[in-house]
Amino acid sequence: MASRETTRQVFERWLAAWSSHDASKLAALVTDDCTWEDVTNGVHHGKQAVEALAQATYEMVPDLDLEILNVFIGERWFIAEWQASGTNACDFPGAQASGTRFRTRGASVLALREGKIHRYSSYWDTNGTKMPFAESEMPFFESEMPFAESE
């Protein structure tokens, strides 16, 4: 039976996997028949597709940093609102390689089945990847509800 604690643990492993820059760690968290819908580049099916998409992300942004602004946790799902930053090292949907730092905001909705991610939907602002910024210009966001519980 699913629980919020199990979901919280999956969320923490998901964040650690993204932070590790190791696509195989992210792939290990998903079901074999996982569906990852990324609004900027389509729908991808299966564990191998998830690993390939994550690897491509790390190649496009080798210094990717994912900051969680809010997370909402249910028994079989979580929603993470995040801010990503990094260096645009090669072309990706909506932006050509520029070698400049960027930041963008987005959200990911993840549904679980038997303790693994079964559906992964990401929504993010591609305009943020086109606007370079200086570190001093990066806004600070403080979450009031870092681990909100929901029915």
N, C-alpha and C. Protein backbone atom coordinates (compact mmCIF):
# COMPACT_ATOMS: atom_id res chain seq x y z
N MET A 1 0.83 -1.18 0.00
CA MET A 1 0.00 0.00 0.00
C MET A 1 0.88 1.25 0.00
N ALA A 2 0.50 2.21 -0.81
CA ALA A 2 1.27 3.45 -0.90
C ALA A 2 1.04 4.31 0.33
N SER A 3 2.04 5.10 0.67
CA SER A 3 1.91 6.03 1.78
C SER A 3 2.63 7.32 1.42
N ARG A 4 2.30 8.35 2.14
CA ARG A 4 2.98 9.62 1.91
C ARG A 4 4.47 9.50 2.23
N GLU A 5 4.81 8.71 3.23
CA GLU A 5 6.22 8.53 3.57
C GLU A 5 6.98 7.87 2.42
N THR A 6 6.38 6.85 1.81
CA THR A 6 6.99 6.20 0.65
C THR A 6 7.17 7.21 -0.47
N THR A 7 6.12 8.01 -0.71
CA THR A 7 6.18 9.01 -1.77
C THR A 7 7.26 10.05 -1.47
N ARG A 8 7.36 10.46 -0.22
CA ARG A 8 8.40 11.43 0.18
C ARG A 8 9.80 10.85 -0.10
N GLN A 9 9.98 9.57 0.19
CA GLN A 9 11.27 8.92 -0.06
C GLN A 9 11.58 8.87 -1.56
N VAL A 10 10.57 8.59 -2.37
CA VAL A 10 10.77 8.58 -3.82
C VAL A 10 11.13 9.99 -4.29
N PHE A 11 10.44 11.00 -3.77
CA PHE A 11 10.78 12.39 -4.12
C PHE A 11 12.24 12.69 -3.79
N GLU A 12 12.67 12.31 -2.60
CA GLU A 12 14.05 12.59 -2.18
C GLU A 12 15.06 11.87 -3.07
N ARG A 13 14.75 10.64 -3.46
CA ARG A 13 15.64 9.90 -4.37
C ARG A 13 15.62 10.52 -5.77
N TRP A 14 14.46 11.02 -6.21
CA TRP A 14 14.32 11.69 -7.51
C TRP A 14 15.21 12.94 -7.54
N LEU A 15 15.12 13.75 -6.49
CA LEU A 15 15.95 14.96 -6.42
C LEU A 15 17.43 14.61 -6.37
N ALA A 16 17.79 13.62 -5.56
CA ALA A 16 19.19 13.19 -5.49
C ALA A 16 19.68 12.67 -6.84
N ALA A 17 18.81 11.95 -7.56
CA ALA A 17 19.20 11.43 -8.88
C ALA A 17 19.47 12.58 -9.85
N TRP A 18 18.59 13.57 -9.90
CA TRP A 18 18.84 14.71 -10.78
C TRP A 18 20.13 15.42 -10.38
N SER A 19 20.34 15.58 -9.09
CA SER A 19 21.53 16.30 -8.61
C SER A 19 22.82 15.54 -8.87
N SER A 20 22.73 14.22 -9.01
CA SER A 20 23.92 13.40 -9.23
C SER A 20 24.46 13.50 -10.65
N HIS A 21 23.64 13.96 -11.58
CA HIS A 21 24.00 14.02 -13.00
C HIS A 21 24.29 12.62 -13.56
N ASP A 22 23.66 11.62 -12.99
CA ASP A 22 23.81 10.24 -13.42
C ASP A 22 22.45 9.75 -13.91
N ALA A 23 22.29 9.67 -15.22
CA ALA A 23 21.00 9.31 -15.82
C ALA A 23 20.52 7.94 -15.39
N SER A 24 21.44 7.02 -15.11
CA SER A 24 21.03 5.68 -14.70
C SER A 24 20.34 5.69 -13.33
N LYS A 25 20.71 6.63 -12.47
CA LYS A 25 20.06 6.74 -11.16
C LYS A 25 18.62 7.20 -11.31
N LEU A 26 18.37 8.10 -12.25
CA LEU A 26 17.00 8.53 -12.51
C LEU A 26 16.20 7.38 -13.12
N ALA A 27 16.79 6.68 -14.07
CA ALA A 27 16.11 5.56 -14.72
C ALA A 27 15.76 4.46 -13.73
N ALA A 28 16.57 4.28 -12.70
CA ALA A 28 16.32 3.25 -11.70
C ALA A 28 15.06 3.52 -10.88
N LEU A 29 14.58 4.75 -10.91
CA LEU A 29 13.40 5.13 -10.12
C LEU A 29 12.08 4.93 -10.86
N VAL A 30 12.14 4.60 -12.16
CA VAL A 30 10.91 4.52 -12.95
C VAL A 30 10.54 3.08 -13.28
N THR A 31 9.25 2.87 -13.57
CA THR A 31 8.78 1.56 -14.01
C THR A 31 9.27 1.30 -15.43
N ASP A 32 9.31 0.05 -15.82
CA ASP A 32 9.75 -0.29 -17.18
C ASP A 32 8.87 0.36 -18.24
N ASP A 33 7.59 0.58 -17.92
CA ASP A 33 6.65 1.16 -18.88
C ASP A 33 6.30 2.62 -18.57
N CYS A 34 7.21 3.30 -17.91
CA CYS A 34 7.01 4.71 -17.55
C CYS A 34 6.73 5.57 -18.78
N THR A 35 5.89 6.58 -18.59
CA THR A 35 5.65 7.59 -19.61
C THR A 35 6.16 8.92 -19.07
N TRP A 36 7.07 9.56 -19.83
CA TRP A 36 7.60 10.89 -19.47
C TRP A 36 7.13 11.85 -20.55
N GLU A 37 6.25 12.76 -20.15
CA GLU A 37 5.77 13.78 -21.07
C GLU A 37 6.48 15.08 -20.72
N ASP A 38 7.26 15.56 -21.65
CA ASP A 38 7.95 16.83 -21.50
C ASP A 38 7.34 17.77 -22.52
N VAL A 39 6.67 18.83 -22.05
CA VAL A 39 5.91 19.67 -22.97
C VAL A 39 6.78 20.31 -24.05
N THR A 40 8.08 20.40 -23.83
CA THR A 40 8.93 21.03 -24.84
C THR A 40 9.42 20.05 -25.90
N ASN A 41 9.45 18.75 -25.59
CA ASN A 41 9.98 17.83 -26.60
C ASN A 41 9.26 16.49 -26.67
N GLY A 42 8.00 16.45 -26.27
CA GLY A 42 7.17 15.29 -26.55
C GLY A 42 7.04 14.27 -25.44
N VAL A 43 6.47 13.14 -25.84
CA VAL A 43 6.18 12.05 -24.92
C VAL A 43 7.17 10.92 -25.18
N HIS A 44 7.71 10.38 -24.11
CA HIS A 44 8.71 9.32 -24.19
C HIS A 44 8.23 8.15 -23.35
N HIS A 45 8.43 6.93 -23.86
CA HIS A 45 7.93 5.73 -23.18
C HIS A 45 9.07 4.79 -22.83
N GLY A 46 9.03 4.28 -21.61
CA GLY A 46 9.96 3.25 -21.19
C GLY A 46 11.17 3.77 -20.44
N LYS A 47 11.75 2.88 -19.67
CA LYS A 47 12.92 3.20 -18.83
C LYS A 47 14.10 3.68 -19.67
N GLN A 48 14.35 3.03 -20.82
CA GLN A 48 15.49 3.44 -21.65
C GLN A 48 15.30 4.85 -22.20
N ALA A 49 14.06 5.21 -22.55
CA ALA A 49 13.78 6.56 -23.05
C ALA A 49 14.01 7.60 -21.96
N VAL A 50 13.62 7.26 -20.74
CA VAL A 50 13.84 8.17 -19.61
C VAL A 50 15.34 8.39 -19.40
N GLU A 51 16.10 7.31 -19.44
CA GLU A 51 17.55 7.44 -19.25
C GLU A 51 18.17 8.27 -20.38
N ALA A 52 17.74 8.04 -21.61
CA ALA A 52 18.28 8.79 -22.75
C ALA A 52 17.93 10.28 -22.65
N LEU A 53 16.71 10.59 -22.25
CA LEU A 53 16.31 12.00 -22.12
C LEU A 53 17.09 12.68 -21.00
N ALA A 54 17.28 11.99 -19.88
CA ALA A 54 18.07 12.56 -18.79
C ALA A 54 19.51 12.79 -19.22
N GLN A 55 20.10 11.81 -19.92
CA GLN A 55 21.47 11.95 -20.38
C GLN A 55 21.60 13.13 -21.34
N ALA A 56 20.63 13.28 -22.24
CA ALA A 56 20.65 14.42 -23.17
C ALA A 56 20.56 15.74 -22.40
N THR A 57 19.77 15.77 -21.34
CA THR A 57 19.65 16.97 -20.52
C THR A 57 20.99 17.33 -19.89
N TYR A 58 21.70 16.33 -19.35
CA TYR A 58 23.01 16.59 -18.74
C TYR A 58 24.03 17.05 -19.77
N GLU A 59 23.92 16.57 -21.01
CA GLU A 59 24.83 17.03 -22.06
C GLU A 59 24.51 18.46 -22.46
N MET A 60 23.23 18.82 -22.49
CA MET A 60 22.84 20.17 -22.86
C MET A 60 23.19 21.17 -21.77
N VAL A 61 23.08 20.71 -20.52
CA VAL A 61 23.34 21.58 -19.36
C VAL A 61 24.21 20.80 -18.37
N PRO A 62 25.52 20.74 -18.62
CA PRO A 62 26.40 19.91 -17.80
C PRO A 62 26.50 20.33 -16.34
N ASP A 63 26.17 21.57 -16.05
CA ASP A 63 26.22 22.06 -14.67
C ASP A 63 24.82 22.31 -14.11
N LEU A 64 23.85 21.54 -14.58
CA LEU A 64 22.46 21.70 -14.16
C LEU A 64 22.33 21.69 -12.64
N ASP A 65 21.61 22.67 -12.13
CA ASP A 65 21.31 22.74 -10.71
C ASP A 65 19.79 22.88 -10.59
N LEU A 66 19.18 21.99 -9.83
CA LEU A 66 17.73 21.99 -9.66
C LEU A 66 17.42 22.37 -8.22
N GLU A 67 16.75 23.50 -8.07
CA GLU A 67 16.36 23.98 -6.74
C GLU A 67 14.86 23.77 -6.58
N ILE A 68 14.45 23.09 -5.54
CA ILE A 68 13.03 22.85 -5.28
C ILE A 68 12.46 24.06 -4.56
N LEU A 69 11.38 24.62 -5.13
CA LEU A 69 10.71 25.76 -4.52
C LEU A 69 9.56 25.31 -3.63
N ASN A 70 8.83 24.32 -4.07
CA ASN A 70 7.73 23.72 -3.32
C ASN A 70 7.56 22.29 -3.77
N VAL A 71 7.08 21.47 -2.88
CA VAL A 71 6.72 20.10 -3.25
C VAL A 71 5.43 19.75 -2.52
N PHE A 72 4.54 19.12 -3.24
CA PHE A 72 3.26 18.68 -2.69
C PHE A 72 3.22 17.16 -2.81
N ILE A 73 2.97 16.49 -1.69
CA ILE A 73 3.08 15.04 -1.64
C ILE A 73 1.75 14.41 -1.29
N GLY A 74 1.33 13.48 -2.13
CA GLY A 74 0.14 12.68 -1.86
C GLY A 74 0.56 11.24 -1.62
N GLU A 75 -0.41 10.34 -1.59
CA GLU A 75 -0.08 8.94 -1.34
C GLU A 75 0.57 8.27 -2.54
N ARG A 76 0.18 8.64 -3.76
CA ARG A 76 0.73 8.00 -4.96
C ARG A 76 1.24 9.01 -5.98
N TRP A 77 1.55 10.21 -5.54
CA TRP A 77 2.00 11.25 -6.47
C TRP A 77 2.75 12.34 -5.71
N PHE A 78 3.54 13.10 -6.46
CA PHE A 78 4.07 14.35 -5.93
C PHE A 78 4.19 15.35 -7.06
N ILE A 79 4.12 16.61 -6.68
CA ILE A 79 4.28 17.72 -7.61
C ILE A 79 5.42 18.57 -7.07
N ALA A 80 6.43 18.77 -7.89
CA ALA A 80 7.58 19.58 -7.48
C ALA A 80 7.64 20.83 -8.35
N GLU A 81 7.61 21.97 -7.71
CA GLU A 81 7.84 23.24 -8.40
C GLU A 81 9.31 23.55 -8.22
N TRP A 82 10.01 23.86 -9.32
CA TRP A 82 11.45 23.99 -9.26
C TRP A 82 11.97 25.16 -10.08
N GLN A 83 13.21 25.48 -9.82
CA GLN A 83 13.97 26.43 -10.64
C GLN A 83 15.26 25.74 -11.04
N ALA A 84 15.49 25.68 -12.33
CA ALA A 84 16.71 25.07 -12.85
C ALA A 84 17.63 26.18 -13.34
N SER A 85 18.92 25.96 -13.16
CA SER A 85 19.90 26.90 -13.71
C SER A 85 21.09 26.10 -14.20
N GLY A 86 21.83 26.72 -15.08
CA GLY A 86 23.00 26.05 -15.63
C GLY A 86 23.52 26.79 -16.84
N THR A 87 24.45 26.17 -17.55
CA THR A 87 25.05 26.74 -18.74
C THR A 87 24.52 26.02 -19.96
N ASN A 88 24.05 26.79 -20.91
CA ASN A 88 23.50 26.26 -22.16
C ASN A 88 24.68 25.82 -23.03
N ALA A 89 25.05 24.55 -22.93
CA ALA A 89 26.25 24.05 -23.59
C ALA A 89 26.01 23.54 -25.01
N CYS A 90 24.78 23.14 -25.34
CA CYS A 90 24.46 22.71 -26.70
C CYS A 90 22.97 22.93 -26.97
N ASP A 91 22.59 22.85 -28.23
CA ASP A 91 21.21 23.12 -28.62
C ASP A 91 20.22 22.23 -27.88
N PHE A 92 19.08 22.81 -27.54
CA PHE A 92 17.97 22.03 -27.01
C PHE A 92 16.68 22.74 -27.37
N PRO A 93 15.52 22.09 -27.19
CA PRO A 93 14.26 22.69 -27.64
C PRO A 93 14.09 24.12 -27.15
N GLY A 94 13.93 25.02 -28.08
CA GLY A 94 13.69 26.41 -27.74
C GLY A 94 14.92 27.28 -27.58
N ALA A 95 16.12 26.70 -27.64
CA ALA A 95 17.33 27.50 -27.44
C ALA A 95 18.53 26.86 -28.12
N GLN A 96 19.30 27.71 -28.77
CA GLN A 96 20.55 27.24 -29.36
C GLN A 96 21.67 27.39 -28.34
N ALA A 97 22.70 26.60 -28.51
CA ALA A 97 23.85 26.68 -27.61
C ALA A 97 24.42 28.09 -27.62
N SER A 98 24.66 28.62 -26.42
CA SER A 98 25.21 29.97 -26.32
C SER A 98 26.39 30.02 -25.36
N GLY A 99 26.54 29.00 -24.53
CA GLY A 99 27.60 29.02 -23.54
C GLY A 99 27.31 29.96 -22.38
N THR A 100 26.11 30.50 -22.32
CA THR A 100 25.76 31.42 -21.24
C THR A 100 24.94 30.71 -20.16
N ARG A 101 24.97 31.29 -18.97
CA ARG A 101 24.16 30.76 -17.86
C ARG A 101 22.72 31.20 -18.04
N PHE A 102 21.81 30.36 -17.58
CA PHE A 102 20.39 30.68 -17.64
C PHE A 102 19.71 30.15 -16.39
N ARG A 103 18.47 30.55 -16.22
CA ARG A 103 17.62 29.97 -15.18
C ARG A 103 16.20 29.91 -15.76
N THR A 104 15.47 28.93 -15.33
CA THR A 104 14.09 28.78 -15.78
C THR A 104 13.30 28.10 -14.68
N ARG A 105 12.00 28.38 -14.66
CA ARG A 105 11.14 27.75 -13.67
C ARG A 105 10.26 26.71 -14.33
N GLY A 106 9.86 25.74 -13.54
CA GLY A 106 8.99 24.71 -14.05
C GLY A 106 8.36 23.92 -12.93
N ALA A 107 7.60 22.91 -13.35
CA ALA A 107 6.97 22.01 -12.38
C ALA A 107 6.94 20.61 -12.99
N SER A 108 7.04 19.63 -12.13
CA SER A 108 6.95 18.24 -12.54
C SER A 108 5.88 17.56 -11.70
N VAL A 109 5.04 16.79 -12.38
CA VAL A 109 3.97 16.03 -11.74
C VAL A 109 4.32 14.56 -11.94
N LEU A 110 4.46 13.83 -10.86
CA LEU A 110 4.89 12.43 -10.95
C LEU A 110 3.90 11.53 -10.23
N ALA A 111 3.46 10.49 -10.92
CA ALA A 111 2.55 9.50 -10.35
C ALA A 111 3.33 8.22 -10.11
N LEU A 112 3.04 7.57 -8.99
CA LEU A 112 3.77 6.37 -8.60
C LEU A 112 2.90 5.12 -8.73
N ARG A 113 3.58 4.03 -9.00
CA ARG A 113 2.95 2.71 -8.97
C ARG A 113 3.95 1.77 -8.31
N GLU A 114 3.52 1.13 -7.23
CA GLU A 114 4.36 0.18 -6.50
C GLU A 114 5.73 0.78 -6.14
N GLY A 115 5.73 2.04 -5.70
CA GLY A 115 6.95 2.68 -5.22
C GLY A 115 7.89 3.18 -6.29
N LYS A 116 7.46 3.15 -7.55
CA LYS A 116 8.28 3.67 -8.65
C LYS A 116 7.48 4.69 -9.44
N ILE A 117 8.20 5.54 -10.15
CA ILE A 117 7.55 6.58 -10.97
C ILE A 117 6.99 5.92 -12.23
N HIS A 118 5.69 6.09 -12.41
CA HIS A 118 5.01 5.48 -13.55
C HIS A 118 4.68 6.54 -14.63
N ARG A 119 4.36 7.73 -14.19
CA ARG A 119 4.07 8.83 -15.12
C ARG A 119 4.80 10.06 -14.63
N TYR A 120 5.44 10.76 -15.58
CA TYR A 120 6.30 11.90 -15.25
C TYR A 120 5.95 12.98 -16.27
N SER A 121 5.34 14.07 -15.81
CA SER A 121 4.99 15.18 -16.70
C SER A 121 5.73 16.43 -16.25
N SER A 122 6.46 17.05 -17.17
CA SER A 122 7.23 18.26 -16.85
C SER A 122 6.75 19.43 -17.68
N TYR A 123 6.61 20.55 -17.02
CA TYR A 123 6.17 21.79 -17.65
C TYR A 123 7.18 22.85 -17.27
N TRP A 124 7.81 23.49 -18.26
CA TRP A 124 8.81 24.49 -17.92
C TRP A 124 8.83 25.60 -18.96
N ASP A 125 9.36 26.72 -18.54
CA ASP A 125 9.40 27.94 -19.34
C ASP A 125 10.66 27.97 -20.21
N THR A 126 10.48 27.70 -21.51
CA THR A 126 11.64 27.70 -22.40
C THR A 126 12.21 29.10 -22.58
N ASN A 127 11.43 30.14 -22.34
CA ASN A 127 11.96 31.51 -22.46
C ASN A 127 13.09 31.74 -21.47
N GLY A 128 13.03 31.11 -20.31
CA GLY A 128 14.08 31.28 -19.32
C GLY A 128 15.42 30.78 -19.80
N THR A 129 15.43 29.81 -20.72
CA THR A 129 16.69 29.27 -21.21
C THR A 129 17.36 30.21 -22.21
N LYS A 130 16.64 31.21 -22.67
CA LYS A 130 17.16 32.13 -23.69
C LYS A 130 17.73 33.41 -23.09
N MET A 131 17.48 33.65 -21.81
CA MET A 131 17.87 34.91 -21.20
C MET A 131 19.04 34.71 -20.26
N PRO A 132 20.24 35.10 -20.66
CA PRO A 132 21.39 34.96 -19.77
C PRO A 132 21.23 35.85 -18.54
N PHE A 133 21.89 35.49 -17.47
CA PHE A 133 21.82 36.28 -16.24
C PHE A 133 23.14 36.17 -15.50
N ALA A 134 23.34 37.15 -14.67
CA ALA A 134 24.49 37.12 -13.77
C ALA A 134 24.02 36.48 -12.46
N GLU A 135 24.89 35.79 -11.77
CA GLU A 135 24.50 35.14 -10.51
C GLU A 135 23.84 36.13 -9.56
N SER A 136 24.31 37.38 -9.56
CA SER A 136 23.74 38.37 -8.65
C SER A 136 22.30 38.73 -9.02
N GLU A 137 21.88 38.43 -10.25
CA GLU A 137 20.51 38.74 -10.68
C GLU A 137 19.54 37.61 -10.37
N MET A 138 20.05 36.48 -9.97
CA MET A 138 19.20 35.33 -9.73
C MET A 138 18.35 35.56 -8.49
N PRO A 139 17.02 35.50 -8.63
CA PRO A 139 16.17 35.77 -7.47
C PRO A 139 16.26 34.63 -6.45
N PHE A 140 16.01 34.98 -5.22
CA PHE A 140 15.98 33.98 -4.17
C PHE A 140 14.52 33.66 -3.88
N PHE A 141 14.19 32.39 -3.89
CA PHE A 141 12.83 31.95 -3.58
C PHE A 141 12.89 31.16 -2.28
N GLU A 142 11.99 31.46 -1.39
CA GLU A 142 11.92 30.70 -0.15
C GLU A 142 10.55 30.07 -0.06
N SER A 143 10.51 28.79 0.08
CA SER A 143 9.27 28.06 0.16
C SER A 143 8.71 28.11 1.57
N GLU A 144 7.43 28.39 1.69
CA GLU A 144 6.78 28.33 2.98
C GLU A 144 6.32 26.91 3.30
N MET A 145 6.14 26.09 2.26
CA MET A 145 5.64 24.73 2.46
C MET A 145 6.53 23.75 1.70
N PRO A 146 7.75 23.50 2.17
CA PRO A 146 8.64 22.64 1.41
C PRO A 146 8.13 21.20 1.28
N PHE A 147 7.33 20.72 2.21
CA PHE A 147 6.78 19.37 2.12
C PHE A 147 5.30 19.43 2.46
N ALA A 148 4.52 20.03 1.60
CA ALA A 148 3.09 20.13 1.84
C ALA A 148 2.45 18.76 1.71
N GLU A 149 1.55 18.47 2.60
CA GLU A 149 0.79 17.22 2.53
C GLU A 149 -0.57 17.53 1.91
N SER A 150 -1.07 16.62 1.12
CA SER A 150 -2.35 16.84 0.47
C SER A 150 -3.13 15.54 0.43
N GLU A 151 -4.41 15.65 0.37
CA GLU A 151 -5.28 14.45 0.31
C GLU A 151 -5.21 13.83 -1.04
